[in-house]
Each structure stands twice: as C-alpha cells, then as structure tokens.
Amino acid sequence: MNHNNSMAIYWRRISKNKMAAIGAFIVLFIVIIALLAPVISPYEPDAQDLYSSLNGPSKEHWFGTDIYGRDILSRVIWGARISLSISSLAVFLSILIGVFLGAIAAYFGGVLDEIIMRFFDILLSFPDILLAIAIIAILGSGRSNLITAITIYSIPQFARIARSTVVSEKTKEYVDAARLSGESEMNILFRYVLPNSLSPIIVQGTLRIGYAILIISGLGFLGLGIQPPAAEWGTDLSIARTYLRAAPHTGIFPGIAIFITVMGFNFFGDGLNEILNPRMKDR
C-alpha cells in the first residue's frame, strides 16, 4: 500500500469518527490561536486599566475584564500559548526519556529491566497531581520547574507503553532477519523495532498533552504553577474565584478554555488510536 492510499484510508477513518474530527478541529484551532497570539490578541495580556475593573463583556472587551482591568480575551489567548508550550515540551521530553528507557529495558531484559521498571512502579504509586506538587515544592515554582515536574511524572507512562510494544515486536521475524544480516542489537532496536512501536506512543502523547494542560491549570489554581502576572488559565481562575459572585465572567472564560482544550485533545487522541491501530480495517 503506497503513502497516498494510506493517507486516504486515515482520512476516511477520521471522517467516520465525528468525535475525532471535532477533536482534530479543536486542537488545530487552539494551536493556531497560540501561534498567532501576538497578532490576534486585542490587548497586551498584562495591560491594566483599573477604571475598567471587573467590567462585563462588551464591544471593547468581548470576554470582559478582570479585577485589574486586564482584557480576559487577551489573557485567554496568551494562556493557550503558555499552556500548549509547557505541556508540549514536557510531553516531548518525557517521550524521549521514557521511550528510550522502556525500550532498553524490554529489548535487553534481565536485571536492567527489573531495575528500570521497578523504579517506575514506585513513581506510578503516587497520584500524578501529588507527585507534581511534591516536585514543585522541592524545586520551586516557575516555568522550567513546571516542565520538569510534568516530565518526571509522565516518563513512567511512556516507558511502560514502550516496554510492552517492544516486547511484542522483538520476537518477530524481521528482528531475526536483521540480526542474521549482521545488524548490531542497538541498531536493530532503534532502526527497526522502535519505528514499529510508535503508534501507541503517539496516541498516548496526544492524550498526555491534554492531561498536562489540566495539571498545569490545577497547579496554577493552587498557586504552584505559573505565577502572576503571566496569563495562565489556572492562575486566572485562582484570582477570579474571589469575585465569582460579583463578576462570574472572570472565571467562566478561562474555565471554558481549559474544558474545550482538554476535551479536544482527548477526542483527537481517541481518533488517532482508531486510525493508527493496525487491527482496524478499512471498510
């Protein structure tokens, strides 16, 4: 099957899955907003106008203003940029580290496998949010430490997926053929086995970005994430909770942004699972 036929099959599959199509649209929309934030943002996200404090939605401020008179729409747009950049980088790093360690553990097995996977089992025994809070408490708040926390608690997820797929792939005939042709074990692993193990990793990575955004927002709400005056959805929700009765719009729009973004990544991830699953047959 050539590349064009494969792409046509993939598009037919995603078009049949309405939730996956919706998820793909939402993810693309959020990514475009994040990339174009400096261009499409009507105001600077940190620009204060105390005379316009807690104003409701209007022609000048479509989403209204917060307690400091800052434009909420601008902060939601820039919040997408911050949330996506942090979550994407953290998930990318956790994929690199987790897949490498999980693949090494699975391919070579033995004591190395036991040491690596038992360590990850210890990390997995802690709830994600509690582990993230503990790491932030040790390292301190800030963007780099937030990326570190999300990366650390995400690594075991990818390591376990990589291990299970590599264990399955390494017993197949093409591995024996490559070994007989004189290929080194590391070359077989990274040139042949891992490329055939990427589908579940890609799906998990997509889902994990949505979950990372939720964790970023949760930590921001608790005051442990991105610190004010930076525009971050969870931090803005934390500020808004004091004024929800007087100005509910200050919390509604950041909350909707979190909900739609996480939902989009979840729908898209489920769609990718259907598209990339080799057991799925085109009908």
Protein backbone atom coordinates (compact mmCIF):
# COMPACT_ATOMS: atom_id res chain seq x y z
CA MET A 1 0.00 0.00 0.00
CA ASN A 2 1.50 3.36 -1.03
CA HIS A 3 1.62 6.52 1.04
CA ASN A 4 -1.28 8.25 -0.75
CA ASN A 5 -3.58 5.27 -0.27
CA SER A 6 -2.63 5.09 3.42
CA MET A 7 -3.43 8.78 3.91
CA ALA A 8 -6.77 8.36 2.14
CA ILE A 9 -7.63 5.45 4.45
CA TYR A 10 -6.66 7.50 7.51
CA TRP A 11 -8.80 10.45 6.41
CA ARG A 12 -11.78 8.17 5.75
CA ARG A 13 -11.42 6.69 9.22
CA ILE A 14 -11.26 10.05 10.96
CA SER A 15 -14.19 11.39 8.92
CA LYS A 16 -16.31 8.46 10.11
CA ASN A 17 -15.45 9.26 13.73
CA LYS A 18 -17.24 12.53 14.42
CA MET A 19 -15.69 12.98 17.85
CA ALA A 20 -12.20 12.53 16.39
CA ALA A 21 -12.95 15.11 13.69
CA ILE A 22 -14.20 17.56 16.30
CA GLY A 23 -11.10 16.92 18.40
CA ALA A 24 -8.78 17.50 15.43
CA PHE A 25 -10.56 20.78 14.66
CA ILE A 26 -10.33 21.97 18.28
CA VAL A 27 -6.64 21.08 18.57
CA LEU A 28 -5.83 22.82 15.27
CA PHE A 29 -7.84 25.87 16.34
CA ILE A 30 -6.10 26.12 19.72
CA VAL A 31 -2.66 25.66 18.14
CA ILE A 32 -3.36 28.44 15.61
CA ILE A 33 -4.55 30.77 18.38
CA ALA A 34 -1.42 30.01 20.43
CA LEU A 35 0.91 30.63 17.47
CA LEU A 36 -0.83 33.87 16.45
CA ALA A 37 -1.32 35.23 19.98
CA PRO A 38 0.89 38.31 19.40
CA VAL A 39 -1.09 39.15 16.26
CA ILE A 40 -4.71 38.41 17.17
CA SER A 41 -4.66 39.46 20.83
CA PRO A 42 -6.64 42.74 21.04
CA TYR A 43 -4.66 44.00 24.06
CA GLU A 44 -1.46 43.22 25.88
CA PRO A 45 -2.33 40.46 28.37
CA ASP A 46 -0.74 42.33 31.29
CA ALA A 47 -2.07 45.79 30.40
CA GLN A 48 -4.01 47.13 33.40
CA ASP A 49 -6.86 49.63 33.44
CA LEU A 50 -8.16 49.90 36.98
CA TYR A 51 -11.01 52.16 35.82
CA SER A 52 -12.37 49.17 33.86
CA SER A 53 -12.07 46.66 36.70
CA LEU A 54 -14.49 43.71 36.56
CA ASN A 55 -16.42 45.07 33.57
CA GLY A 56 -18.64 42.54 31.86
CA PRO A 57 -18.39 41.51 28.22
CA SER A 58 -18.70 44.43 25.81
CA LYS A 59 -17.65 45.57 22.33
CA GLU A 60 -14.32 46.77 23.71
CA HIS A 61 -13.72 43.66 25.82
CA TRP A 62 -15.55 40.63 24.40
CA PHE A 63 -14.86 38.49 27.48
CA GLY A 64 -14.90 41.39 29.94
CA THR A 65 -12.08 42.44 32.27
CA ASP A 66 -10.63 41.06 35.50
CA ILE A 67 -10.03 42.73 38.85
CA TYR A 68 -7.06 44.64 37.43
CA GLY A 69 -8.92 45.77 34.33
CA ARG A 70 -7.00 43.38 32.08
CA ASP A 71 -8.72 42.09 28.96
CA ILE A 72 -9.80 38.50 29.63
CA LEU A 73 -9.93 37.53 25.93
CA SER A 74 -6.29 38.56 25.52
CA ARG A 75 -5.32 36.58 28.60
CA VAL A 76 -7.21 33.50 27.38
CA ILE A 77 -5.40 33.72 24.03
CA TRP A 78 -1.98 34.09 25.64
CA GLY A 79 -2.91 31.40 28.15
CA ALA A 80 -3.28 28.97 25.25
CA ARG A 81 0.26 29.81 24.17
CA ILE A 82 1.67 29.21 27.66
CA SER A 83 -0.28 26.01 28.33
CA LEU A 84 0.49 24.44 24.95
CA SER A 85 4.18 25.35 25.01
CA ILE A 86 4.74 23.94 28.50
CA SER A 87 2.65 20.79 28.03
CA SER A 88 4.06 20.01 24.56
CA LEU A 89 7.68 20.42 25.65
CA ALA A 90 7.16 18.39 28.83
CA VAL A 91 5.42 15.56 26.97
CA PHE A 92 8.09 15.59 24.24
CA LEU A 93 10.85 15.26 26.84
CA SER A 94 9.00 12.52 28.70
CA ILE A 95 8.53 10.62 25.42
CA LEU A 96 12.25 10.82 24.63
CA ILE A 97 13.34 9.65 28.07
CA GLY A 98 10.51 7.21 28.78
CA VAL A 99 10.58 5.50 25.39
CA PHE A 100 14.37 5.17 25.49
CA LEU A 101 14.40 3.61 28.97
CA GLY A 102 11.34 1.43 28.33
CA ALA A 103 12.73 0.16 25.02
CA ILE A 104 16.15 -0.61 26.54
CA ALA A 105 14.50 -2.44 29.44
CA ALA A 106 12.30 -4.51 27.14
CA TYR A 107 14.88 -5.35 24.50
CA PHE A 108 17.70 -6.42 26.79
CA GLY A 109 15.58 -7.62 29.73
CA GLY A 110 17.11 -9.23 32.79
CA VAL A 111 18.33 -7.20 35.75
CA LEU A 112 18.28 -3.96 33.76
CA ASP A 113 14.59 -4.45 33.02
CA GLU A 114 13.83 -5.12 36.69
CA ILE A 115 15.72 -2.06 37.96
CA ILE A 116 14.20 0.38 35.46
CA MET A 117 10.61 -0.84 35.70
CA ARG A 118 10.57 -1.23 39.49
CA PHE A 119 11.73 2.39 39.80
CA PHE A 120 8.90 3.49 37.52
CA ASP A 121 6.45 1.39 39.53
CA ILE A 122 7.43 3.43 42.59
CA LEU A 123 6.74 6.68 40.73
CA LEU A 124 3.41 5.34 39.47
CA SER A 125 2.34 4.57 43.02
CA PHE A 126 1.92 8.32 43.61
CA PRO A 127 -1.06 10.19 42.12
CA ASP A 128 0.13 12.47 39.33
CA ILE A 129 -1.02 15.72 40.90
CA LEU A 130 0.53 14.86 44.28
CA LEU A 131 3.84 13.93 42.65
CA ALA A 132 3.78 17.17 40.68
CA ILE A 133 3.04 19.17 43.83
CA ALA A 134 5.90 17.43 45.66
CA ILE A 135 8.35 18.18 42.85
CA ILE A 136 7.25 21.83 42.65
CA ALA A 137 7.52 22.11 46.44
CA ILE A 138 11.13 20.92 46.22
CA LEU A 139 12.21 22.82 43.11
CA GLY A 140 10.02 25.91 43.46
CA SER A 141 7.51 27.44 41.07
CA GLY A 142 8.36 28.68 37.60
CA ARG A 143 8.07 27.53 34.02
CA SER A 144 11.19 25.37 33.91
CA ASN A 145 10.35 23.61 37.17
CA LEU A 146 6.78 23.06 35.97
CA ILE A 147 8.12 21.41 32.81
CA THR A 148 10.43 19.27 34.97
CA ALA A 149 7.56 18.15 37.21
CA ILE A 150 5.29 17.19 34.31
CA THR A 151 8.15 15.41 32.55
CA ILE A 152 9.08 13.35 35.61
CA TYR A 153 5.59 12.08 36.34
CA SER A 154 4.89 11.39 32.64
CA ILE A 155 8.04 9.35 31.94
CA PRO A 156 6.76 6.08 33.53
CA GLN A 157 3.64 6.14 31.33
CA PHE A 158 5.65 6.18 28.12
CA ALA A 159 8.23 3.75 29.48
CA ARG A 160 5.56 1.13 30.18
CA ILE A 161 3.96 1.57 26.75
CA ALA A 162 7.34 1.36 25.01
CA ARG A 163 8.28 -1.72 27.01
CA SER A 164 5.07 -3.59 26.17
CA THR A 165 5.26 -2.80 22.45
CA VAL A 166 8.99 -3.61 22.17
CA VAL A 167 8.50 -6.92 23.99
CA SER A 168 5.94 -7.82 21.34
CA GLU A 169 7.98 -6.56 18.38
CA LYS A 170 11.35 -8.09 19.29
CA THR A 171 10.06 -11.63 18.79
CA LYS A 172 9.02 -11.05 15.19
CA GLU A 173 10.79 -12.47 12.17
CA TYR A 174 12.16 -9.19 10.82
CA VAL A 175 14.25 -8.82 14.00
CA ASP A 176 15.80 -12.25 13.48
CA ALA A 177 16.44 -11.38 9.84
CA ALA A 178 18.18 -8.14 10.79
CA ARG A 179 20.27 -9.95 13.38
CA LEU A 180 21.33 -12.59 10.85
CA SER A 181 22.32 -9.87 8.39
CA GLY A 182 24.88 -8.58 10.91
CA GLU A 183 22.99 -5.61 12.38
CA SER A 184 24.00 -4.63 15.92
CA GLU A 185 21.44 -5.00 18.70
CA MET A 186 21.18 -1.23 19.28
CA ASN A 187 20.76 -0.64 15.57
CA ILE A 188 18.00 -3.24 15.39
CA LEU A 189 16.25 -1.65 18.33
CA PHE A 190 16.31 1.96 17.13
CA ARG A 191 16.16 1.36 13.38
CA TYR A 192 13.58 -1.41 13.17
CA VAL A 193 11.82 -2.18 16.45
CA LEU A 194 11.03 1.30 17.77
CA PRO A 195 9.63 2.69 14.49
CA ASN A 196 7.14 -0.20 14.51
CA SER A 197 6.19 0.60 18.10
CA LEU A 198 5.32 4.28 17.71
CA SER A 199 1.55 4.15 17.19
CA PRO A 200 0.50 3.69 20.84
CA ILE A 201 3.19 6.16 21.91
CA ILE A 202 1.81 8.84 19.58
CA VAL A 203 -1.72 8.23 20.86
CA GLN A 204 -0.61 8.41 24.48
CA GLY A 205 1.41 11.55 23.76
CA THR A 206 -1.67 13.32 22.37
CA LEU A 207 -3.79 12.33 25.34
CA ARG A 208 -0.99 13.28 27.73
CA ILE A 209 -0.79 16.83 26.38
CA GLY A 210 -4.43 17.37 27.35
CA TYR A 211 -3.82 15.88 30.77
CA ALA A 212 -0.69 18.01 31.22
CA ILE A 213 -2.72 21.14 30.46
CA LEU A 214 -5.15 20.08 33.18
CA ILE A 215 -2.28 19.60 35.66
CA ILE A 216 -0.75 22.97 34.70
CA SER A 217 -4.09 24.66 35.32
CA GLY A 218 -4.57 22.81 38.61
CA LEU A 219 -1.14 23.82 39.88
CA GLY A 220 -1.78 27.39 38.75
CA PHE A 221 -5.07 27.39 40.63
CA LEU A 222 -3.23 26.24 43.76
CA GLY A 223 -0.62 28.96 43.33
CA LEU A 224 2.15 26.48 42.50
CA GLY A 225 2.26 26.91 38.73
CA ILE A 226 2.88 29.92 36.51
CA GLN A 227 2.94 32.99 38.70
CA PRO A 228 1.07 36.27 38.11
CA PRO A 229 1.02 38.48 36.13
CA ALA A 230 1.65 35.86 33.41
CA ALA A 231 -1.52 34.86 31.56
CA GLU A 232 -2.26 31.25 32.51
CA TRP A 233 -5.74 29.78 32.73
CA GLY A 234 -5.42 28.12 36.13
CA THR A 235 -3.77 31.18 37.68
CA ASP A 236 -6.51 33.42 36.30
CA LEU A 237 -9.14 31.07 37.72
CA SER A 238 -7.47 31.29 41.11
CA ILE A 239 -7.65 35.09 41.00
CA ALA A 240 -11.24 35.03 39.72
CA ARG A 241 -12.64 32.75 42.43
CA THR A 242 -12.83 35.66 44.88
CA TYR A 243 -15.05 37.63 42.51
CA LEU A 244 -17.24 34.89 41.03
CA ARG A 245 -20.43 36.25 42.60
CA ALA A 246 -19.85 39.84 41.51
CA ALA A 247 -18.21 39.05 38.15
CA PRO A 248 -18.70 35.41 37.11
CA HIS A 249 -17.26 36.10 33.65
CA THR A 250 -13.77 36.34 35.17
CA GLY A 251 -13.82 32.61 35.87
CA ILE A 252 -16.18 31.33 33.17
CA PHE A 253 -14.00 32.05 30.15
CA PRO A 254 -10.69 30.62 31.46
CA GLY A 255 -12.64 27.59 32.67
CA ILE A 256 -14.26 27.10 29.27
CA ALA A 257 -10.83 27.38 27.61
CA ILE A 258 -9.46 24.58 29.82
CA PHE A 259 -12.51 22.39 29.24
CA ILE A 260 -12.56 22.78 25.45
CA THR A 261 -8.80 22.29 25.04
CA VAL A 262 -8.59 19.16 27.18
CA MET A 263 -11.72 17.76 25.53
CA GLY A 264 -10.22 18.42 22.09
CA PHE A 265 -7.00 16.55 22.87
CA ASN A 266 -8.94 13.65 24.37
CA PHE A 267 -11.21 13.36 21.32
CA PHE A 268 -8.25 13.67 18.96
CA GLY A 269 -6.26 11.08 20.88
CA ASP A 270 -9.13 8.60 20.72
CA GLY A 271 -9.38 9.24 16.99
CA LEU A 272 -5.67 8.64 16.50
CA ASN A 273 -5.99 5.38 18.38
CA GLU A 274 -8.58 4.23 15.86
CA ILE A 275 -6.56 5.48 12.87
CA LEU A 276 -3.17 4.13 13.89
CA ASN A 277 -4.37 0.82 15.32
CA PRO A 278 -3.14 -1.80 12.83
CA ARG A 279 -6.01 -4.09 13.76
CA MET A 280 -8.52 -1.58 12.45
CA LYS A 281 -9.58 -2.43 8.93
CA ASP A 282 -10.86 0.00 6.38
CA ARG A 283 -14.46 -0.60 5.49
